[in-house]
PDB file of N, CA and C in Angstrom:
ATOM      1  N   MET A   1      15.570 -18.586  11.849  1.00  0.00           N
ATOM      2  CA  MET A   1      15.973 -17.267  12.300  1.00  0.00           C
ATOM      3  C   MET A   1      16.168 -16.324  11.110  1.00  0.00           C
ATOM      4  N   VAL A   2      16.857 -16.795  10.085  1.00  0.00           N
ATOM      5  CA  VAL A   2      17.101 -15.972   8.901  1.00  0.00           C
ATOM      6  C   VAL A   2      15.787 -15.691   8.175  1.00  0.00           C
ATOM      7  N   ALA A   3      14.935 -16.713   8.055  1.00  0.00           N
ATOM      8  CA  ALA A   3      13.649 -16.524   7.381  1.00  0.00           C
ATOM      9  C   ALA A   3      12.803 -15.513   8.139  1.00  0.00           C
ATOM     10  N   LYS A   4      12.857 -15.552   9.464  1.00  0.00           N
ATOM     11  CA  LYS A   4      12.097 -14.613  10.280  1.00  0.00           C
ATOM     12  C   LYS A   4      12.593 -13.187  10.048  1.00  0.00           C
ATOM     13  N   ALA A   5      13.889 -13.005   9.963  1.00  0.00           N
ATOM     14  CA  ALA A   5      14.456 -11.677   9.710  1.00  0.00           C
ATOM     15  C   ALA A   5      14.088 -11.177   8.316  1.00  0.00           C
ATOM     16  N   ILE A   6      14.147 -12.066   7.316  1.00  0.00           N
ATOM     17  CA  ILE A   6      13.768 -11.683   5.946  1.00  0.00           C
ATOM     18  C   ILE A   6      12.290 -11.326   5.889  1.00  0.00           C
ATOM     19  N   HIS A   7      11.469 -12.141   6.545  1.00  0.00           N
ATOM     20  CA  HIS A   7      10.026 -11.912   6.581  1.00  0.00           C
ATOM     21  C   HIS A   7       9.725 -10.553   7.219  1.00  0.00           C
ATOM     22  N   THR A   8      10.385 -10.265   8.331  1.00  0.00           N
ATOM     23  CA  THR A   8      10.178  -8.995   9.025  1.00  0.00           C
ATOM     24  C   THR A   8      10.659  -7.826   8.164  1.00  0.00           C
ATOM     25  N   ALA A   9      11.792  -7.976   7.497  1.00  0.00           N
ATOM     26  CA  ALA A   9      12.306  -6.907   6.621  1.00  0.00           C
ATOM     27  C   ALA A   9      11.358  -6.651   5.449  1.00  0.00           C
ATOM     28  N   ALA A  10      10.825  -7.711   4.867  1.00  0.00           N
ATOM     29  CA  ALA A  10       9.865  -7.555   3.767  1.00  0.00           C
ATOM     30  C   ALA A  10       8.605  -6.862   4.279  1.00  0.00           C
ATOM     31  N   TRP A  11       8.114  -7.285   5.428  1.00  0.00           N
ATOM     32  CA  TRP A  11       6.927  -6.653   6.012  1.00  0.00           C
ATOM     33  C   TRP A  11       7.193  -5.174   6.272  1.00  0.00           C
ATOM     34  N   PHE A  12       8.344  -4.859   6.850  1.00  0.00           N
ATOM     35  CA  PHE A  12       8.670  -3.464   7.171  1.00  0.00           C
ATOM     36  C   PHE A  12       8.738  -2.603   5.912  1.00  0.00           C
ATOM     37  N   SER A  13       9.335  -3.122   4.849  1.00  0.00           N
ATOM     38  CA  SER A  13       9.442  -2.328   3.611  1.00  0.00           C
ATOM     39  C   SER A  13       8.065  -2.094   2.989  1.00  0.00           C
ATOM     40  N   ILE A  14       7.216  -3.101   3.015  1.00  0.00           N
ATOM     41  CA  ILE A  14       5.862  -2.951   2.459  1.00  0.00           C
ATOM     42  C   ILE A  14       5.054  -1.976   3.307  1.00  0.00           C
ATOM     43  N   GLU A  15       5.144  -2.107   4.616  1.00  0.00           N
ATOM     44  CA  GLU A  15       4.408  -1.198   5.492  1.00  0.00           C
ATOM     45  C   GLU A  15       4.944   0.229   5.403  1.00  0.00           C
ATOM     46  N   SER A  16       6.223   0.396   5.122  1.00  0.00           N
ATOM     47  CA  SER A  16       6.778   1.732   4.893  1.00  0.00           C
ATOM     48  C   SER A  16       6.132   2.358   3.658  1.00  0.00           C
ATOM     49  N   CYS A  17       5.909   1.541   2.640  1.00  0.00           N
ATOM     50  CA  CYS A  17       5.222   2.024   1.440  1.00  0.00           C
ATOM     51  C   CYS A  17       3.790   2.422   1.762  1.00  0.00           C
ATOM     52  N   VAL A  18       3.108   1.636   2.592  1.00  0.00           N
ATOM     53  CA  VAL A  18       1.738   1.972   2.993  1.00  0.00           C
ATOM     54  C   VAL A  18       1.741   3.295   3.767  1.00  0.00           C
ATOM     55  N   ALA A  19       2.693   3.462   4.678  1.00  0.00           N
ATOM     56  CA  ALA A  19       2.781   4.706   5.452  1.00  0.00           C
ATOM     57  C   ALA A  19       3.025   5.897   4.527  1.00  0.00           C
ATOM     58  N   TYR A  20       3.904   5.734   3.533  1.00  0.00           N
ATOM     59  CA  TYR A  20       4.155   6.825   2.594  1.00  0.00           C
ATOM     60  C   TYR A  20       2.904   7.135   1.780  1.00  0.00           C
ATOM     61  N   LEU A  21       2.187   6.110   1.367  1.00  0.00           N
ATOM     62  CA  LEU A  21       0.955   6.330   0.612  1.00  0.00           C
ATOM     63  C   LEU A  21      -0.081   7.077   1.457  1.00  0.00           C
ATOM     64  N   LEU A  22      -0.167   6.759   2.736  1.00  0.00           N
ATOM     65  CA  LEU A  22      -1.080   7.483   3.621  1.00  0.00           C
ATOM     66  C   LEU A  22      -0.656   8.941   3.750  1.00  0.00           C
ATOM     67  N   TYR A  23       0.634   9.165   3.973  1.00  0.00           N
ATOM     68  CA  TYR A  23       1.156  10.531   4.082  1.00  0.00           C
ATOM     69  C   TYR A  23       0.884  11.320   2.800  1.00  0.00           C
ATOM     70  N   ALA A  24       1.202  10.725   1.667  1.00  0.00           N
ATOM     71  CA  ALA A  24       1.005  11.407   0.385  1.00  0.00           C
ATOM     72  C   ALA A  24      -0.479  11.656   0.129  1.00  0.00           C
ATOM     73  N   GLY A  25      -1.320  10.719   0.495  1.00  0.00           N
ATOM     74  CA  GLY A  25      -2.753  10.886   0.298  1.00  0.00           C
ATOM     75  C   GLY A  25      -3.323  12.003   1.143  1.00  0.00           C
ATOM     76  N   VAL A  26      -2.907  12.076   2.403  1.00  0.00           N
ATOM     77  CA  VAL A  26      -3.391  13.128   3.296  1.00  0.00           C
ATOM     78  C   VAL A  26      -2.901  14.497   2.828  1.00  0.00           C
ATOM     79  N   SER A  27      -1.669  14.557   2.354  1.00  0.00           N
ATOM     80  CA  SER A  27      -1.107  15.840   1.917  1.00  0.00           C
ATOM     81  C   SER A  27      -1.444  16.174   0.463  1.00  0.00           C
ATOM     82  N   GLY A  28      -2.130  15.266  -0.236  1.00  0.00           N
ATOM     83  CA  GLY A  28      -2.537  15.539  -1.616  1.00  0.00           C
ATOM     84  C   GLY A  28      -1.402  15.454  -2.619  1.00  0.00           C
ATOM     85  N   ARG A  29      -0.347  14.750  -2.270  1.00  0.00           N
ATOM     86  CA  ARG A  29       0.813  14.614  -3.156  1.00  0.00           C
ATOM     87  C   ARG A  29       0.594  13.478  -4.138  1.00  0.00           C
ATOM     88  N   THR A  30       1.131  13.676  -5.303  1.00  0.00           N
ATOM     89  CA  THR A  30       1.175  12.599  -6.280  1.00  0.00           C
ATOM     90  C   THR A  30       2.472  12.776  -7.058  1.00  0.00           C
ATOM     91  N   ASP A  31       3.321  11.777  -7.000  1.00  0.00           N
ATOM     92  CA  ASP A  31       4.617  11.859  -7.654  1.00  0.00           C
ATOM     93  C   ASP A  31       5.111  10.450  -7.987  1.00  0.00           C
ATOM     94  N   ARG A  32       6.326  10.373  -8.450  1.00  0.00           N
ATOM     95  CA  ARG A  32       6.911   9.085  -8.842  1.00  0.00           C
ATOM     96  C   ARG A  32       6.991   8.126  -7.657  1.00  0.00           C
ATOM     97  N   TRP A  33       7.298   8.647  -6.473  1.00  0.00           N
ATOM     98  CA  TRP A  33       7.424   7.781  -5.297  1.00  0.00           C
ATOM     99  C   TRP A  33       6.076   7.184  -4.893  1.00  0.00           C
ATOM    100  N   VAL A  34       5.017   7.938  -5.119  1.00  0.00           N
ATOM    101  CA  VAL A  34       3.669   7.400  -4.858  1.00  0.00           C
ATOM    102  C   VAL A  34       3.415   6.217  -5.783  1.00  0.00           C
ATOM    103  N   ALA A  35       3.777   6.374  -7.057  1.00  0.00           N
ATOM    104  CA  ALA A  35       3.577   5.286  -8.018  1.00  0.00           C
ATOM    105  C   ALA A  35       4.406   4.055  -7.639  1.00  0.00           C
ATOM    106  N   ILE A  36       5.632   4.267  -7.227  1.00  0.00           N
ATOM    107  CA  ILE A  36       6.501   3.140  -6.835  1.00  0.00           C
ATOM    108  C   ILE A  36       5.933   2.446  -5.596  1.00  0.00           C
ATOM    109  N   ALA A  37       5.565   3.234  -4.580  1.00  0.00           N
ATOM    110  CA  ALA A  37       5.008   2.650  -3.349  1.00  0.00           C
ATOM    111  C   ALA A  37       3.704   1.919  -3.647  1.00  0.00           C
ATOM    112  N   ALA A  38       2.870   2.485  -4.503  1.00  0.00           N
ATOM    113  CA  ALA A  38       1.610   1.829  -4.866  1.00  0.00           C
ATOM    114  C   ALA A  38       1.882   0.522  -5.600  1.00  0.00           C
ATOM    115  N   GLY A  39       2.884   0.507  -6.454  1.00  0.00           N
ATOM    116  CA  GLY A  39       3.246  -0.724  -7.157  1.00  0.00           C
ATOM    117  C   GLY A  39       3.703  -1.814  -6.202  1.00  0.00           C
ATOM    118  N   VAL A  40       4.501  -1.433  -5.202  1.00  0.00           N
ATOM    119  CA  VAL A  40       4.974  -2.404  -4.207  1.00  0.00           C
ATOM    120  C   VAL A  40       3.791  -2.958  -3.416  1.00  0.00           C
ATOM    121  N   VAL A  41       2.920  -2.075  -2.946  1.00  0.00           N
ATOM    122  CA  VAL A  41       1.781  -2.513  -2.132  1.00  0.00           C
ATOM    123  C   VAL A  41       0.812  -3.341  -2.969  1.00  0.00           C
ATOM    124  N   PHE A  42       0.532  -2.892  -4.189  1.00  0.00           N
ATOM    125  CA  PHE A  42      -0.370  -3.653  -5.058  1.00  0.00           C
ATOM    126  C   PHE A  42       0.239  -5.023  -5.378  1.00  0.00           C
ATOM    127  N   GLY A  43       1.525  -5.058  -5.691  1.00  0.00           N
ATOM    128  CA  GLY A  43       2.194  -6.327  -6.002  1.00  0.00           C
ATOM    129  C   GLY A  43       2.143  -7.296  -4.828  1.00  0.00           C
ATOM    130  N   GLU A  44       2.417  -6.786  -3.631  1.00  0.00           N
ATOM    131  CA  GLU A  44       2.378  -7.649  -2.441  1.00  0.00           C
ATOM    132  C   GLU A  44       0.960  -8.134  -2.185  1.00  0.00           C
ATOM    133  N   SER A  45      -0.013  -7.262  -2.333  1.00  0.00           N
ATOM    134  CA  SER A  45      -1.407  -7.645  -2.103  1.00  0.00           C
ATOM    135  C   SER A  45      -1.870  -8.675  -3.128  1.00  0.00           C
ATOM    136  N   ALA A  46      -1.482  -8.481  -4.380  1.00  0.00           N
ATOM    137  CA  ALA A  46      -1.856  -9.433  -5.432  1.00  0.00           C
ATOM    138  C   ALA A  46      -1.194 -10.792  -5.188  1.00  0.00           C
ATOM    139  N   LEU A  47       0.072 -10.776  -4.788  1.00  0.00           N
ATOM    140  CA  LEU A  47       0.786 -12.019  -4.496  1.00  0.00           C
ATOM    141  C   LEU A  47       0.149 -12.743  -3.310  1.00  0.00           C
ATOM    142  N   PHE A  48      -0.210 -11.996  -2.290  1.00  0.00           N
ATOM    143  CA  PHE A  48      -0.859 -12.555  -1.111  1.00  0.00           C
ATOM    144  C   PHE A  48      -2.208 -13.177  -1.485  1.00  0.00           C
ATOM    145  N   ALA A  49      -2.992 -12.469  -2.290  1.00  0.00           N
ATOM    146  CA  ALA A  49      -4.300 -12.982  -2.718  1.00  0.00           C
ATOM    147  C   ALA A  49      -4.148 -14.201  -3.623  1.00  0.00           C
ATOM    148  N   ALA A  50      -3.176 -14.162  -4.531  1.00  0.00           N
ATOM    149  CA  ALA A  50      -2.957 -15.288  -5.445  1.00  0.00           C
ATOM    150  C   ALA A  50      -2.507 -16.540  -4.695  1.00  0.00           C
ATOM    151  N   ASN A  51      -1.904 -16.346  -3.538  1.00  0.00           N
ATOM    152  CA  ASN A  51      -1.440 -17.466  -2.720  1.00  0.00           C
ATOM    153  C   ASN A  51      -2.510 -17.871  -1.696  1.00  0.00           C
ATOM    154  N   ARG A  52      -3.769 -17.613  -2.019  1.00  0.00           N
ATOM    155  CA  ARG A  52      -4.919 -17.939  -1.170  1.00  0.00           C
ATOM    156  C   ARG A  52      -4.818 -17.288   0.212  1.00  0.00           C
ATOM    157  N   PHE A  53      -4.403 -16.026   0.222  1.00  0.00           N
ATOM    158  CA  PHE A  53      -4.297 -15.216   1.429  1.00  0.00           C
ATOM    159  C   PHE A  53      -3.398 -15.872   2.478  1.00  0.00           C
ATOM    160  N   ARG A  54      -2.327 -16.413   1.981  1.00  0.00           N
ATOM    161  CA  ARG A  54      -1.289 -17.015   2.823  1.00  0.00           C
ATOM    162  C   ARG A  54       0.033 -16.435   2.338  1.00  0.00           C
ATOM    163  N   CYS A  55       0.823 -15.947   3.247  1.00  0.00           N
ATOM    164  CA  CYS A  55       2.098 -15.331   2.867  1.00  0.00           C
ATOM    165  C   CYS A  55       2.958 -16.341   2.123  1.00  0.00           C
ATOM    166  N   PRO A  56       3.531 -15.943   0.987  1.00  0.00           N
ATOM    167  CA  PRO A  56       4.375 -16.861   0.219  1.00  0.00           C
ATOM    168  C   PRO A  56       5.634 -17.291   0.974  1.00  0.00           C
ATOM    169  N   LEU A  57       6.030 -16.539   1.992  1.00  0.00           N
ATOM    170  CA  LEU A  57       7.212 -16.915   2.773  1.00  0.00           C
ATOM    171  C   LEU A  57       6.903 -17.949   3.850  1.00  0.00           C
ATOM    172  N   THR A  58       5.630 -18.263   4.041  1.00  0.00           N
ATOM    173  CA  THR A  58       5.237 -19.243   5.054  1.00  0.00           C
ATOM    174  C   THR A  58       5.870 -20.603   4.779  1.00  0.00           C
ATOM    175  N   ASP A  59       5.756 -21.079   3.550  1.00  0.00           N
ATOM    176  CA  ASP A  59       6.320 -22.390   3.201  1.00  0.00           C
ATOM    177  C   ASP A  59       7.834 -22.401   3.386  1.00  0.00           C
ATOM    178  N   LEU A  60       8.484 -21.299   3.007  1.00  0.00           N
ATOM    179  CA  LEU A  60       9.931 -21.208   3.186  1.00  0.00           C
ATOM    180  C   LEU A  60      10.297 -21.281   4.661  1.00  0.00           C
ATOM    181  N   ALA A  61       9.606 -20.534   5.487  1.00  0.00           N
ATOM    182  CA  ALA A  61       9.891 -20.532   6.925  1.00  0.00           C
ATOM    183  C   ALA A  61       9.687 -21.911   7.530  1.00  0.00           C
ATOM    184  N   GLU A  62       8.611 -22.581   7.126  1.00  0.00           N
ATOM    185  CA  GLU A  62       8.345 -23.914   7.665  1.00  0.00           C
ATOM    186  C   GLU A  62       9.363 -24.937   7.170  1.00  0.00           C
ATOM    187  N   SER A  63       9.801 -24.791   5.931  1.00  0.00           N
ATOM    188  CA  SER A  63      10.808 -25.727   5.411  1.00  0.00           C
ATOM    189  C   SER A  63      12.164 -25.540   6.090  1.00  0.00           C
ATOM    190  N   LEU A  64      12.387 -24.345   6.641  1.00  0.00           N
ATOM    191  CA  LEU A  64      13.641 -24.081   7.351  1.00  0.00           C
ATOM    192  C   LEU A  64      13.544 -24.406   8.830  1.00  0.00           C
ATOM    193  N   GLY A  65      12.398 -24.976   9.243  1.00  0.00           N
ATOM    194  CA  GLY A  65      12.281 -25.456  10.614  1.00  0.00           C
ATOM    195  C   GLY A  65      11.408 -24.647  11.539  1.00  0.00           C
ATOM    196  N   ALA A  66      10.760 -23.603  11.045  1.00  0.00           N
ATOM    197  CA  ALA A  66       9.871 -22.820  11.917  1.00  0.00           C
ATOM    198  C   ALA A  66       8.663 -23.669  12.292  1.00  0.00           C
ATOM    199  N   GLU A  67       8.199 -23.514  13.529  1.00  0.00           N
ATOM    200  CA  GLU A  67       7.003 -24.221  13.966  1.00  0.00           C
ATOM    201  C   GLU A  67       5.841 -23.865  13.063  1.00  0.00           C
ATOM    202  N   SER A  68       5.728 -22.590  12.837  1.00  0.00           N
ATOM    203  CA  SER A  68       4.676 -22.062  11.979  1.00  0.00           C
ATOM    204  C   SER A  68       5.290 -20.911  11.212  1.00  0.00           C
ATOM    205  N   GLY A  69       5.082 -20.867   9.932  1.00  0.00           N
ATOM    206  CA  GLY A  69       5.635 -19.783   9.134  1.00  0.00           C
ATOM    207  C   GLY A  69       4.663 -18.641   9.011  1.00  0.00           C
ATOM    208  N   SER A  70       3.668 -18.613   9.889  1.00  0.00           N
ATOM    209  CA  SER A  70       2.624 -17.597   9.791  1.00  0.00           C
ATOM    210  C   SER A  70       3.172 -16.212  10.101  1.00  0.00           C
ATOM    211  N   VAL A  71       2.340 -15.219   9.859  1.00  0.00           N
ATOM    212  CA  VAL A  71       2.733 -13.841  10.079  1.00  0.00           C
ATOM    213  C   VAL A  71       3.056 -13.575  11.545  1.00  0.00           C
ATOM    214  N   THR A  72       2.570 -14.410  12.437  1.00  0.00           N
ATOM    215  CA  THR A  72       2.881 -14.226  13.849  1.00  0.00           C
ATOM    216  C   THR A  72       4.338 -14.568  14.155  1.00  0.00           C
ATOM    217  N   GLU A  73       5.059 -15.064  13.168  1.00  0.00           N
ATOM    218  CA  GLU A  73       6.479 -15.354  13.343  1.00  0.00           C
ATOM    219  C   GLU A  73       7.351 -14.124  13.114  1.00  0.00           C
ATOM    220  N   LEU A  74       6.756 -12.981  12.808  1.00  0.00           N
ATOM    221  CA  LEU A  74       7.521 -11.759  12.632  1.00  0.00           C
ATOM    222  C   LEU A  74       8.064 -11.273  13.965  1.00  0.00           C
ATOM    223  N   TYR A  75       9.047 -10.379  13.901  1.00  0.00           N
ATOM    224  CA  TYR A  75       9.543  -9.736  15.109  1.00  0.00           C
ATOM    225  C   TYR A  75       8.605  -8.586  15.467  1.00  0.00           C
ATOM    226  N   LEU A  76       7.393  -8.918  15.824  1.00  0.00           N
ATOM    227  CA  LEU A  76       6.360  -7.961  16.201  1.00  0.00           C
ATOM    228  C   LEU A  76       5.638  -8.500  17.423  1.00  0.00           C
ATOM    229  N   PRO A  77       4.967  -7.626  18.174  1.00  0.00           N
ATOM    230  CA  PRO A  77       4.134  -8.165  19.271  1.00  0.00           C
ATOM    231  C   PRO A  77       3.098  -9.134  18.693  1.00  0.00           C
ATOM    232  N   ARG A  78       2.883 -10.227  19.385  1.00  0.00           N
ATOM    233  CA  ARG A  78       2.016 -11.292  18.875  1.00  0.00           C
ATOM    234  C   ARG A  78       0.602 -10.798  18.522  1.00  0.00           C
ATOM    235  N   TRP A  79      -0.006  -9.988  19.389  1.00  0.00           N
ATOM    236  CA  TRP A  79      -1.368  -9.504  19.134  1.00  0.00           C
ATOM    237  C   TRP A  79      -1.407  -8.658  17.866  1.00  0.00           C
ATOM    238  N   PHE A  80      -0.356  -7.852  17.646  1.00  0.00           N
ATOM    239  CA  PHE A  80      -0.300  -6.991  16.462  1.00  0.00           C
ATOM    240  C   PHE A  80      -0.124  -7.829  15.203  1.00  0.00           C
ATOM    241  N   ALA A  81       0.800  -8.762  15.244  1.00  0.00           N
ATOM    242  CA  ALA A  81       1.058  -9.621  14.083  1.00  0.00           C
ATOM    243  C   ALA A  81      -0.165 -10.456  13.740  1.00  0.00           C
ATOM    244  N   HIS A  82      -0.856 -10.923  14.739  1.00  0.00           N
ATOM    245  CA  HIS A  82      -2.042 -11.759  14.512  1.00  0.00           C
ATOM    246  C   HIS A  82      -3.174 -10.970  13.836  1.00  0.00           C
ATOM    247  N   ASN A  83      -3.243  -9.676  14.120  1.00  0.00           N
ATOM    248  CA  ASN A  83      -4.322  -8.836  13.586  1.00  0.00           C
ATOM    249  C   ASN A  83      -3.908  -7.992  12.383  1.00  0.00           C
ATOM    250  N   LEU A  84      -2.777  -8.284  11.767  1.00  0.00           N
ATOM    251  CA  LEU A  84      -2.317  -7.485  10.632  1.00  0.00           C
ATOM    252  C   LEU A  84      -3.330  -7.388   9.494  1.00  0.00           C
ATOM    253  N   PRO A  85      -3.952  -8.466   9.050  1.00  0.00           N
ATOM    254  CA  PRO A  85      -4.923  -8.304   7.961  1.00  0.00           C
ATOM    255  C   PRO A  85      -6.083  -7.373   8.340  1.00  0.00           C
ATOM    256  N   ALA A  86      -6.570  -7.472   9.553  1.00  0.00           N
ATOM    257  CA  ALA A  86      -7.668  -6.622   9.995  1.00  0.00           C
ATOM    258  C   ALA A  86      -7.247  -5.155  10.089  1.00  0.00           C
ATOM    259  N   ILE A  87      -5.986  -4.909  10.330  1.00  0.00           N
ATOM    260  CA  ILE A  87      -5.458  -3.547  10.391  1.00  0.00           C
ATOM    261  C   ILE A  87      -5.138  -3.044   8.986  1.00  0.00           C
ATOM    262  N   HIS A  88      -4.593  -3.911   8.164  1.00  0.00           N
ATOM    263  CA  HIS A  88      -4.078  -3.539   6.846  1.00  0.00           C
ATOM    264  C   HIS A  88      -5.180  -3.194   5.847  1.00  0.00           C
ATOM    265  N   VAL A  89      -6.250  -3.958   5.813  1.00  0.00           N
ATOM    266  CA  VAL A  89      -7.309  -3.751   4.817  1.00  0.00           C
ATOM    267  C   VAL A  89      -7.941  -2.356   4.940  1.00  0.00           C
ATOM    268  N   PRO A  90      -8.349  -1.902   6.138  1.00  0.00           N
ATOM    269  CA  PRO A  90      -8.900  -0.542   6.217  1.00  0.00           C
ATOM    270  C   PRO A  90      -7.894   0.535   5.802  1.00  0.00           C
ATOM    271  N   LEU A  91      -6.617   0.314   6.092  1.00  0.00           N
ATOM    272  CA  LEU A  91      -5.600   1.280   5.666  1.00  0.00           C
ATOM    273  C   LEU A  91      -5.513   1.349   4.145  1.00  0.00           C
ATOM    274  N   LEU A  92      -5.604   0.200   3.479  1.00  0.00           N
ATOM    275  CA  LEU A  92      -5.563   0.195   2.017  1.00  0.00           C
ATOM    276  C   LEU A  92      -6.802   0.866   1.429  1.00  0.00           C
ATOM    277  N   VAL A  93      -7.947   0.655   2.048  1.00  0.00           N
ATOM    278  CA  VAL A  93      -9.172   1.326   1.594  1.00  0.00           C
ATOM    279  C   VAL A  93      -9.010   2.842   1.754  1.00  0.00           C
ATOM    280  N   LEU A  94      -8.444   3.276   2.868  1.00  0.00           N
ATOM    281  CA  LEU A  94      -8.203   4.701   3.101  1.00  0.00           C
ATOM    282  C   LEU A  94      -7.225   5.266   2.068  1.00  0.00           C
ATOM    283  N   VAL A  95      -6.169   4.526   1.754  1.00  0.00           N
ATOM    284  CA  VAL A  95      -5.193   4.957   0.740  1.00  0.00           C
ATOM    285  C   VAL A  95      -5.883   5.149  -0.605  1.00  0.00           C
ATOM    286  N   VAL A  96      -6.706   4.193  -0.997  1.00  0.00           N
ATOM    287  CA  VAL A  96      -7.413   4.300  -2.279  1.00  0.00           C
ATOM    288  C   VAL A  96      -8.330   5.515  -2.271  1.00  0.00           C
ATOM    289  N   PHE A  97      -9.052   5.725  -1.187  1.00  0.00           N
ATOM    290  CA  PHE A  97      -9.937   6.880  -1.089  1.00  0.00           C
ATOM    291  C   PHE A  97      -9.160   8.185  -1.198  1.00  0.00           C
ATOM    292  N   LEU A  98      -8.082   8.320  -0.418  1.00  0.00           N
ATOM    293  CA  LEU A  98      -7.306   9.567  -0.409  1.00  0.00           C
ATOM    294  C   LEU A  98      -6.708   9.876  -1.779  1.00  0.00           C
ATOM    295  N   HIS A  99      -6.165   8.859  -2.438  1.00  0.00           N
ATOM    296  CA  HIS A  99      -5.557   9.105  -3.744  1.00  0.00           C
ATOM    297  C   HIS A  99      -6.609   9.289  -4.830  1.00  0.00           C
ATOM    298  N   GLY A 100      -7.745   8.637  -4.694  1.00  0.00           N
ATOM    299  CA  GLY A 100      -8.844   8.885  -5.620  1.00  0.00           C
ATOM    300  C   GLY A 100      -9.316  10.328  -5.513  1.00  0.00           C
ATOM    301  N   ARG A 101      -9.413  10.817  -4.290  1.00  0.00           N
ATOM    302  CA  ARG A 101      -9.800  12.208  -4.057  1.00  0.00           C
ATOM    303  C   ARG A 101      -8.778  13.165  -4.673  1.00  0.00           C
ATOM    304  N   THR A 102      -7.497  12.858  -4.519  1.00  0.00           N
ATOM    305  CA  THR A 102      -6.451  13.703  -5.076  1.00  0.00           C
ATOM    306  C   THR A 102      -6.526  13.726  -6.595  1.00  0.00           C
ATOM    307  N   VAL A 103      -6.683  12.574  -7.207  1.00  0.00           N
ATOM    308  CA  VAL A 103      -6.772  12.505  -8.673  1.00  0.00           C
ATOM    309  C   VAL A 103      -8.010  13.265  -9.145  1.00  0.00           C
ATOM    310  N   PHE A 104      -9.133  13.097  -8.462  1.00  0.00           N
ATOM    311  CA  PHE A 104     -10.364  13.796  -8.834  1.00  0.00           C
ATOM    312  C   PHE A 104     -10.163  15.312  -8.752  1.00  0.00           C
ATOM    313  N   ARG A 105      -9.526  15.774  -7.686  1.00  0.00           N
ATOM    314  CA  ARG A 105      -9.282  17.214  -7.531  1.00  0.00           C
ATOM    315  C   ARG A 105      -8.364  17.747  -8.618  1.00  0.00           C
ATOM    316  N   HIS A 106      -7.303  17.000  -8.940  1.00  0.00           N
ATOM    317  CA  HIS A 106      -6.382  17.446  -9.992  1.00  0.00           C
ATOM    318  C   HIS A 106      -7.090  17.513 -11.343  1.00  0.00           C
ATOM    319  N   ARG A 107      -7.901  16.530 -11.618  1.00  0.00           N
ATOM    320  CA  ARG A 107      -8.634  16.523 -12.896  1.00  0.00           C
ATOM    321  C   ARG A 107      -9.655  17.647 -12.943  1.00  0.00           C
ATOM    322  N   ALA A 108     -10.348  17.877 -11.850  1.00  0.00           N
ATOM    323  CA  ALA A 108     -11.335  18.951 -11.813  1.00  0.00           C
ATOM    324  C   ALA A 108     -10.646  20.305 -11.963  1.00  0.00           C
ATOM    325  N   LEU A 109      -9.507  20.470 -11.321  1.00  0.00           N
ATOM    326  CA  LEU A 109      -8.770  21.722 -11.416  1.00  0.00           C
ATOM    327  C   LEU A 109      -8.263  21.946 -12.830  1.00  0.00           C
ATOM    328  N   SER A 110      -7.661  20.924 -13.424  1.00  0.00           N
ATOM    329  CA  SER A 110      -7.139  21.095 -14.785  1.00  0.00           C
ATOM    330  C   SER A 110      -8.274  21.256 -15.785  1.00  0.00           C
ATOM    331  N   GLY A 111      -9.388  20.589 -15.565  1.00  0.00           N
ATOM    332  CA  GLY A 111     -10.549  20.757 -16.427  1.00  0.00           C
ATOM    333  C   GLY A 111     -11.148  22.144 -16.270  1.00  0.00           C
ATOM    334  N   GLY A 112     -11.158  22.643 -15.032  1.00  0.00           N
ATOM    335  CA  GLY A 112     -11.677  23.978 -14.774  1.00  0.00           C
ATOM    336  C   GLY A 112     -10.820  25.045 -15.419  1.00  0.00           C
ATOM    337  N   ILE A 113      -9.516  24.872 -15.391  1.00  0.00           N
ATOM    338  CA  ILE A 113      -8.606  25.826 -16.020  1.00  0.00           C
ATOM    339  C   ILE A 113      -8.808  25.804 -17.524  1.00  0.00           C
ATOM    340  N   ALA A 114      -8.950  24.623 -18.086  1.00  0.00           N
ATOM    341  CA  ALA A 114      -9.151  24.511 -19.527  1.00  0.00           C
ATOM    342  C   ALA A 114     -10.479  25.148 -19.929  1.00  0.00           C
ATOM    343  N   ARG A 115     -11.524  24.929 -19.151  1.00  0.00           N
ATOM    344  CA  ARG A 115     -12.821  25.534 -19.464  1.00  0.00           C
ATOM    345  C   ARG A 115     -12.745  27.053 -19.383  1.00  0.00           C
ATOM    346  N   ALA A 116     -12.026  27.571 -18.373  1.00  0.00           N
ATOM    347  CA  ALA A 116     -11.897  29.018 -18.230  1.00  0.00           C
ATOM    348  C   ALA A 116     -11.150  29.606 -19.417  1.00  0.00           C
ATOM    349  N   ALA A 117     -10.111  28.929 -19.889  1.00  0.00           N
ATOM    350  CA  ALA A 117      -9.347  29.415 -21.040  1.00  0.00           C
ATOM    351  C   ALA A 117     -10.209  29.410 -22.295  1.00  0.00           C
ATOM    352  N   VAL A 118     -10.988  28.373 -22.501  1.00  0.00           N
ATOM    353  CA  VAL A 118     -11.879  28.300 -23.667  1.00  0.00           C
ATOM    354  C   VAL A 118     -12.942  29.382 -23.558  1.00  0.00           C
ATOM    355  N   SER A 119     -13.472  29.579 -22.366  1.00  0.00           N
ATOM    356  CA  SER A 119     -14.498  30.594 -22.141  1.00  0.00           C
ATOM    357  C   SER A 119     -13.951  31.993 -22.448  1.00  0.00           C
ATOM    358  N   GLN A 120     -12.732  32.285 -21.993  1.00  0.00           N
ATOM    359  CA  GLN A 120     -12.112  33.575 -22.259  1.00  0.00           C
ATOM    360  C   GLN A 120     -11.854  33.762 -23.741  1.00  0.00           C
ATOM    361  N   ALA A 121     -11.384  32.725 -24.409  1.00  0.00           N
ATOM    362  CA  ALA A 121     -11.116  32.806 -25.847  1.00  0.00           C
ATOM    363  C   ALA A 121     -12.407  33.030 -26.608  1.00  0.00           C
ATOM    364  N   TRP A 122     -13.493  32.439 -26.179  1.00  0.00           N
ATOM    365  CA  TRP A 122     -14.788  32.548 -26.846  1.00  0.00           C
ATOM    366  C   TRP A 122     -15.332  33.973 -26.739  1.00  0.00           C
ATOM    367  N   GLU A 123     -15.073  34.624 -25.579  1.00  0.00           N
ATOM    368  CA  GLU A 123     -15.559  35.975 -25.355  1.00  0.00           C
ATOM    369  C   GLU A 123     -14.851  36.999 -26.229  1.00  0.00           C
ATOM    370  N   ARG A 124     -13.657  36.705 -26.691  1.00  0.00           N
ATOM    371  CA  ARG A 124     -12.889  37.666 -27.482  1.00  0.00           C
ATOM    372  C   ARG A 124     -13.386  37.760 -28.843  1.00  0.00           C
TER     373      ARG A 124
END
């Protein structure tokens, strides 16, 4: 029971970071909170991949008596929990795209301003 609650809380905090990254990406924001949320999501994804795409809390849940420590043991509807990887991966791809677009726009804008300043200075 405790492992299930911890697992659900960890999932909720990570998914909150994904939601914030989506919001920030759509609105073109880039700030310290984006970096923190990206670090949390990247860290969780790297840990998940390093553990052969098996949640590291699975072994803990099973050692505490859970039938299965799989992601379907979360306090979520079973169909949703079962399909989390299929839902999560496209969202992460979208996050990368949105933030890549934002970084590209910021760089193009700052480069354009710098070019305009050099161009004006050259004309004088």
